Amino acid sequence: MAGWYELSRSTDGQFRFVLKAGNAETILTSELYKTRASADNGIASVQKNCSDDARFERKEAKNGKHYFNLKAANHQIIGTSQMYAAARNCETGIESVKNNGVSTVIKDKTAD
């Protein structure tokens, strides 16, 4: 099964999306957006930028865990991964975003 986006609202009414892999694991989480239109633009930005390896910023946290940010052409962070124990697992996460980020399936959870 291919991946999908889940669009939801935070407790303060802002919007966020997550990109899920086909196994329902969250592979990318967005920042908070004030409007639904901005969140929709964020999803479109993931779809546009996820196939370009140069858009992935690989990072190591102070605790030694690895993660990545997906950035747009203007260098704004579109989404952030979970923390990974090993760099190779982080690379697997990037590959999953590349494979699933082009999905056009959006599950709207904003009314939940």
N, C-alpha and C. Protein backbone atom coordinates (compact mmCIF):
# COMPACT_ATOMS: atom_id res chain seq x y z
N MET A 1 0.84 -1.19 0.00
CA MET A 1 0.00 0.00 0.00
C MET A 1 0.88 1.24 0.00
N ALA A 2 0.47 2.22 -0.75
CA ALA A 2 1.22 3.48 -0.82
C ALA A 2 0.94 4.33 0.41
N GLY A 3 1.78 5.31 0.60
CA GLY A 3 1.64 6.21 1.73
C GLY A 3 0.54 7.24 1.51
N TRP A 4 0.34 8.05 2.54
CA TRP A 4 -0.68 9.10 2.49
C TRP A 4 -0.35 10.20 3.50
N TYR A 5 -1.07 11.28 3.38
CA TYR A 5 -0.96 12.40 4.32
C TYR A 5 -2.17 12.38 5.24
N GLU A 6 -1.96 12.72 6.49
CA GLU A 6 -3.06 12.94 7.42
C GLU A 6 -2.98 14.39 7.88
N LEU A 7 -4.06 15.10 7.66
CA LEU A 7 -4.15 16.50 8.03
C LEU A 7 -5.02 16.60 9.28
N SER A 8 -4.51 17.27 10.31
CA SER A 8 -5.25 17.36 11.57
C SER A 8 -5.09 18.76 12.17
N ARG A 9 -5.81 18.97 13.27
CA ARG A 9 -5.72 20.24 14.00
C ARG A 9 -5.12 19.98 15.37
N SER A 10 -4.33 20.93 15.82
CA SER A 10 -3.77 20.86 17.16
C SER A 10 -4.81 21.40 18.15
N THR A 11 -4.52 21.27 19.43
CA THR A 11 -5.47 21.72 20.45
C THR A 11 -5.74 23.22 20.38
N ASP A 12 -4.80 23.98 19.84
CA ASP A 12 -5.02 25.43 19.73
C ASP A 12 -5.62 25.84 18.37
N GLY A 13 -6.05 24.85 17.58
CA GLY A 13 -6.73 25.14 16.33
C GLY A 13 -5.85 25.26 15.11
N GLN A 14 -4.54 25.15 15.26
CA GLN A 14 -3.65 25.23 14.12
C GLN A 14 -3.65 23.88 13.38
N PHE A 15 -3.13 23.90 12.17
CA PHE A 15 -3.13 22.72 11.30
C PHE A 15 -1.73 22.12 11.23
N ARG A 16 -1.69 20.80 11.07
CA ARG A 16 -0.42 20.11 10.82
C ARG A 16 -0.73 18.89 9.97
N PHE A 17 0.29 18.40 9.31
CA PHE A 17 0.12 17.14 8.58
C PHE A 17 1.27 16.21 8.92
N VAL A 18 1.00 14.94 8.75
CA VAL A 18 2.03 13.93 8.84
C VAL A 18 1.98 13.12 7.55
N LEU A 19 3.13 12.65 7.13
CA LEU A 19 3.23 11.74 6.00
C LEU A 19 3.38 10.35 6.58
N LYS A 20 2.50 9.45 6.16
CA LYS A 20 2.53 8.07 6.64
C LYS A 20 3.01 7.16 5.53
N ALA A 21 3.81 6.17 5.90
CA ALA A 21 4.22 5.13 4.96
C ALA A 21 3.07 4.15 4.79
N GLY A 22 3.20 3.25 3.85
CA GLY A 22 2.16 2.26 3.59
C GLY A 22 1.83 1.40 4.79
N ASN A 23 2.77 1.25 5.73
CA ASN A 23 2.54 0.46 6.94
C ASN A 23 1.96 1.32 8.08
N ALA A 24 1.56 2.54 7.77
CA ALA A 24 0.94 3.50 8.70
C ALA A 24 1.93 4.14 9.67
N GLU A 25 3.22 3.93 9.47
CA GLU A 25 4.23 4.58 10.31
C GLU A 25 4.41 6.02 9.86
N THR A 26 4.45 6.94 10.82
CA THR A 26 4.70 8.35 10.51
C THR A 26 6.16 8.52 10.12
N ILE A 27 6.40 9.11 8.95
CA ILE A 27 7.77 9.28 8.47
C ILE A 27 8.18 10.75 8.35
N LEU A 28 7.21 11.66 8.42
CA LEU A 28 7.52 13.09 8.35
C LEU A 28 6.40 13.86 9.03
N THR A 29 6.76 14.83 9.85
CA THR A 29 5.78 15.66 10.56
C THR A 29 6.03 17.12 10.22
N SER A 30 4.96 17.83 9.92
CA SER A 30 5.10 19.24 9.54
C SER A 30 5.19 20.13 10.77
N GLU A 31 5.48 21.37 10.50
CA GLU A 31 5.36 22.43 11.49
C GLU A 31 3.87 22.73 11.65
N LEU A 32 3.52 23.62 12.57
CA LEU A 32 2.13 24.05 12.71
C LEU A 32 1.85 25.20 11.75
N TYR A 33 0.65 25.19 11.17
CA TYR A 33 0.22 26.23 10.24
C TYR A 33 -1.04 26.90 10.79
N LYS A 34 -1.14 28.20 10.62
CA LYS A 34 -2.31 28.93 11.11
C LYS A 34 -3.56 28.67 10.28
N THR A 35 -3.39 28.38 8.99
CA THR A 35 -4.54 28.17 8.12
C THR A 35 -4.47 26.83 7.40
N ARG A 36 -5.62 26.35 7.01
CA ARG A 36 -5.71 25.10 6.24
C ARG A 36 -4.98 25.26 4.90
N ALA A 37 -5.14 26.41 4.28
CA ALA A 37 -4.50 26.65 2.98
C ALA A 37 -2.98 26.54 3.10
N SER A 38 -2.42 27.05 4.19
CA SER A 38 -0.97 26.95 4.39
C SER A 38 -0.54 25.50 4.57
N ALA A 39 -1.32 24.72 5.30
CA ALA A 39 -1.01 23.29 5.46
C ALA A 39 -1.10 22.58 4.12
N ASP A 40 -2.11 22.90 3.32
CA ASP A 40 -2.23 22.31 1.99
C ASP A 40 -1.01 22.66 1.12
N ASN A 41 -0.54 23.90 1.24
CA ASN A 41 0.67 24.31 0.51
C ASN A 41 1.89 23.53 1.00
N GLY A 42 1.94 23.23 2.30
CA GLY A 42 3.03 22.43 2.84
C GLY A 42 3.04 21.04 2.26
N ILE A 43 1.87 20.43 2.14
CA ILE A 43 1.78 19.10 1.52
C ILE A 43 2.25 19.16 0.08
N ALA A 44 1.81 20.17 -0.66
CA ALA A 44 2.23 20.34 -2.05
C ALA A 44 3.74 20.51 -2.14
N SER A 45 4.32 21.18 -1.17
CA SER A 45 5.77 21.38 -1.15
C SER A 45 6.51 20.06 -0.91
N VAL A 46 5.97 19.21 -0.03
CA VAL A 46 6.58 17.88 0.16
C VAL A 46 6.51 17.11 -1.16
N GLN A 47 5.34 17.11 -1.79
CA GLN A 47 5.17 16.39 -3.05
C GLN A 47 6.17 16.86 -4.09
N LYS A 48 6.43 18.14 -4.11
CA LYS A 48 7.34 18.73 -5.11
C LYS A 48 8.81 18.45 -4.78
N ASN A 49 9.19 18.50 -3.51
CA ASN A 49 10.59 18.46 -3.12
C ASN A 49 11.12 17.10 -2.67
N CYS A 50 10.24 16.14 -2.43
CA CYS A 50 10.67 14.88 -1.81
C CYS A 50 11.57 14.02 -2.70
N SER A 51 11.56 14.23 -3.99
CA SER A 51 12.39 13.39 -4.86
C SER A 51 13.81 13.92 -5.02
N ASP A 52 14.09 15.11 -4.50
CA ASP A 52 15.40 15.74 -4.64
C ASP A 52 16.23 15.50 -3.37
N ASP A 53 17.24 14.66 -3.46
CA ASP A 53 18.06 14.31 -2.30
C ASP A 53 18.70 15.55 -1.65
N ALA A 54 18.97 16.57 -2.46
CA ALA A 54 19.60 17.79 -1.93
C ALA A 54 18.68 18.54 -0.97
N ARG A 55 17.39 18.24 -0.99
CA ARG A 55 16.43 18.91 -0.11
C ARG A 55 16.39 18.31 1.30
N PHE A 56 17.09 17.18 1.49
CA PHE A 56 17.11 16.53 2.79
C PHE A 56 18.35 16.97 3.57
N GLU A 57 18.10 17.52 4.73
CA GLU A 57 19.18 17.96 5.62
C GLU A 57 19.32 16.91 6.72
N ARG A 58 20.43 16.19 6.70
CA ARG A 58 20.69 15.16 7.70
C ARG A 58 21.32 15.79 8.93
N LYS A 59 20.79 15.43 10.10
CA LYS A 59 21.24 16.06 11.34
C LYS A 59 21.50 14.99 12.41
N GLU A 60 22.30 15.38 13.39
CA GLU A 60 22.50 14.54 14.56
C GLU A 60 22.19 15.37 15.80
N ALA A 61 21.30 14.85 16.62
CA ALA A 61 20.90 15.56 17.85
C ALA A 61 22.01 15.42 18.89
N LYS A 62 21.93 16.23 19.94
CA LYS A 62 22.93 16.20 21.00
C LYS A 62 23.01 14.85 21.70
N ASN A 63 21.89 14.09 21.66
CA ASN A 63 21.89 12.78 22.29
C ASN A 63 22.42 11.67 21.38
N GLY A 64 22.94 12.06 20.20
CA GLY A 64 23.53 11.09 19.28
C GLY A 64 22.54 10.46 18.31
N LYS A 65 21.26 10.78 18.43
CA LYS A 65 20.26 10.23 17.52
C LYS A 65 20.27 11.03 16.22
N HIS A 66 19.83 10.37 15.17
CA HIS A 66 19.85 10.96 13.83
C HIS A 66 18.43 11.31 13.40
N TYR A 67 18.31 12.38 12.63
CA TYR A 67 17.02 12.78 12.06
C TYR A 67 17.28 13.61 10.82
N PHE A 68 16.22 13.94 10.11
CA PHE A 68 16.38 14.78 8.93
C PHE A 68 15.25 15.78 8.84
N ASN A 69 15.54 16.86 8.13
CA ASN A 69 14.54 17.86 7.76
C ASN A 69 14.42 17.83 6.24
N LEU A 70 13.20 17.97 5.76
CA LEU A 70 12.97 18.18 4.34
C LEU A 70 12.76 19.67 4.16
N LYS A 71 13.55 20.26 3.26
CA LYS A 71 13.49 21.71 3.05
C LYS A 71 13.01 22.04 1.64
N ALA A 72 12.34 23.17 1.54
CA ALA A 72 11.91 23.69 0.24
C ALA A 72 13.08 24.41 -0.43
N ALA A 73 12.87 24.84 -1.65
CA ALA A 73 13.91 25.55 -2.40
C ALA A 73 14.35 26.81 -1.68
N ASN A 74 13.46 27.43 -0.89
CA ASN A 74 13.80 28.65 -0.15
C ASN A 74 14.46 28.35 1.20
N HIS A 75 14.79 27.09 1.42
CA HIS A 75 15.48 26.60 2.63
C HIS A 75 14.60 26.56 3.87
N GLN A 76 13.30 26.77 3.72
CA GLN A 76 12.36 26.63 4.83
C GLN A 76 12.14 25.15 5.11
N ILE A 77 12.05 24.79 6.37
CA ILE A 77 11.78 23.40 6.73
C ILE A 77 10.31 23.10 6.47
N ILE A 78 10.06 22.05 5.70
CA ILE A 78 8.70 21.62 5.41
C ILE A 78 8.26 20.58 6.45
N GLY A 79 9.17 19.69 6.79
CA GLY A 79 8.84 18.64 7.75
C GLY A 79 10.08 18.03 8.35
N THR A 80 9.90 17.35 9.48
CA THR A 80 10.98 16.75 10.24
C THR A 80 10.66 15.29 10.52
N SER A 81 11.68 14.48 10.50
CA SER A 81 11.50 13.05 10.77
C SER A 81 11.47 12.77 12.26
N GLN A 82 11.25 11.53 12.58
CA GLN A 82 11.42 11.05 13.95
C GLN A 82 12.92 10.92 14.22
N MET A 83 13.28 10.56 15.43
CA MET A 83 14.68 10.31 15.79
C MET A 83 15.01 8.85 15.50
N TYR A 84 16.19 8.63 14.96
CA TYR A 84 16.67 7.29 14.64
C TYR A 84 17.93 6.99 15.42
N ALA A 85 18.08 5.76 15.87
CA ALA A 85 19.26 5.37 16.64
C ALA A 85 20.52 5.35 15.77
N ALA A 86 20.37 5.00 14.50
CA ALA A 86 21.54 4.86 13.62
C ALA A 86 21.34 5.68 12.34
N ALA A 87 22.44 6.15 11.79
CA ALA A 87 22.39 6.95 10.56
C ALA A 87 21.78 6.15 9.42
N ARG A 88 22.05 4.85 9.35
CA ARG A 88 21.50 4.04 8.24
C ARG A 88 19.97 3.98 8.31
N ASN A 89 19.42 3.98 9.54
CA ASN A 89 17.97 3.99 9.68
C ASN A 89 17.39 5.33 9.24
N CYS A 90 18.13 6.38 9.48
CA CYS A 90 17.73 7.71 9.03
C CYS A 90 17.67 7.73 7.50
N GLU A 91 18.65 7.13 6.86
CA GLU A 91 18.66 7.06 5.38
C GLU A 91 17.47 6.26 4.87
N THR A 92 17.10 5.21 5.58
CA THR A 92 15.92 4.43 5.21
C THR A 92 14.67 5.30 5.31
N GLY A 93 14.60 6.15 6.34
CA GLY A 93 13.49 7.08 6.48
C GLY A 93 13.42 8.06 5.32
N ILE A 94 14.57 8.56 4.89
CA ILE A 94 14.62 9.47 3.74
C ILE A 94 14.10 8.77 2.49
N GLU A 95 14.53 7.54 2.28
CA GLU A 95 14.06 6.78 1.11
C GLU A 95 12.54 6.59 1.17
N SER A 96 12.02 6.38 2.36
CA SER A 96 10.58 6.21 2.52
C SER A 96 9.83 7.50 2.17
N VAL A 97 10.38 8.65 2.58
CA VAL A 97 9.76 9.93 2.21
C VAL A 97 9.83 10.12 0.70
N LYS A 98 10.95 9.77 0.09
CA LYS A 98 11.07 9.88 -1.37
C LYS A 98 10.02 9.02 -2.07
N ASN A 99 9.78 7.82 -1.55
CA ASN A 99 8.83 6.90 -2.17
C ASN A 99 7.37 7.26 -1.90
N ASN A 100 7.08 7.76 -0.71
CA ASN A 100 5.70 8.01 -0.30
C ASN A 100 5.27 9.47 -0.41
N GLY A 101 6.22 10.38 -0.49
CA GLY A 101 5.91 11.81 -0.49
C GLY A 101 5.13 12.28 -1.70
N VAL A 102 5.21 11.54 -2.79
CA VAL A 102 4.49 11.94 -4.01
C VAL A 102 3.00 11.59 -3.95
N SER A 103 2.59 10.92 -2.89
CA SER A 103 1.19 10.51 -2.75
C SER A 103 0.26 11.71 -2.85
N THR A 104 -0.90 11.50 -3.45
CA THR A 104 -1.92 12.53 -3.53
C THR A 104 -3.09 12.24 -2.58
N VAL A 105 -2.95 11.17 -1.80
CA VAL A 105 -4.01 10.79 -0.85
C VAL A 105 -3.87 11.63 0.42
N ILE A 106 -4.91 12.37 0.75
CA ILE A 106 -4.91 13.19 1.97
C ILE A 106 -6.13 12.78 2.80
N LYS A 107 -5.86 12.29 3.99
CA LYS A 107 -6.94 11.92 4.92
C LYS A 107 -7.16 13.11 5.85
N ASP A 108 -8.34 13.70 5.72
CA ASP A 108 -8.66 14.90 6.47
C ASP A 108 -9.21 14.52 7.84
N LYS A 109 -8.43 14.78 8.88
CA LYS A 109 -8.83 14.47 10.26
C LYS A 109 -9.18 15.76 11.02
N THR A 110 -9.37 16.85 10.30
CA THR A 110 -9.59 18.13 10.99
C THR A 110 -10.93 18.21 11.69
N ALA A 111 -11.87 17.37 11.32
CA ALA A 111 -13.19 17.39 11.96
C ALA A 111 -13.25 16.43 13.15
N ASP A 112 -12.21 15.61 13.33
CA ASP A 112 -12.20 14.63 14.42
C ASP A 112 -12.02 15.29 15.77
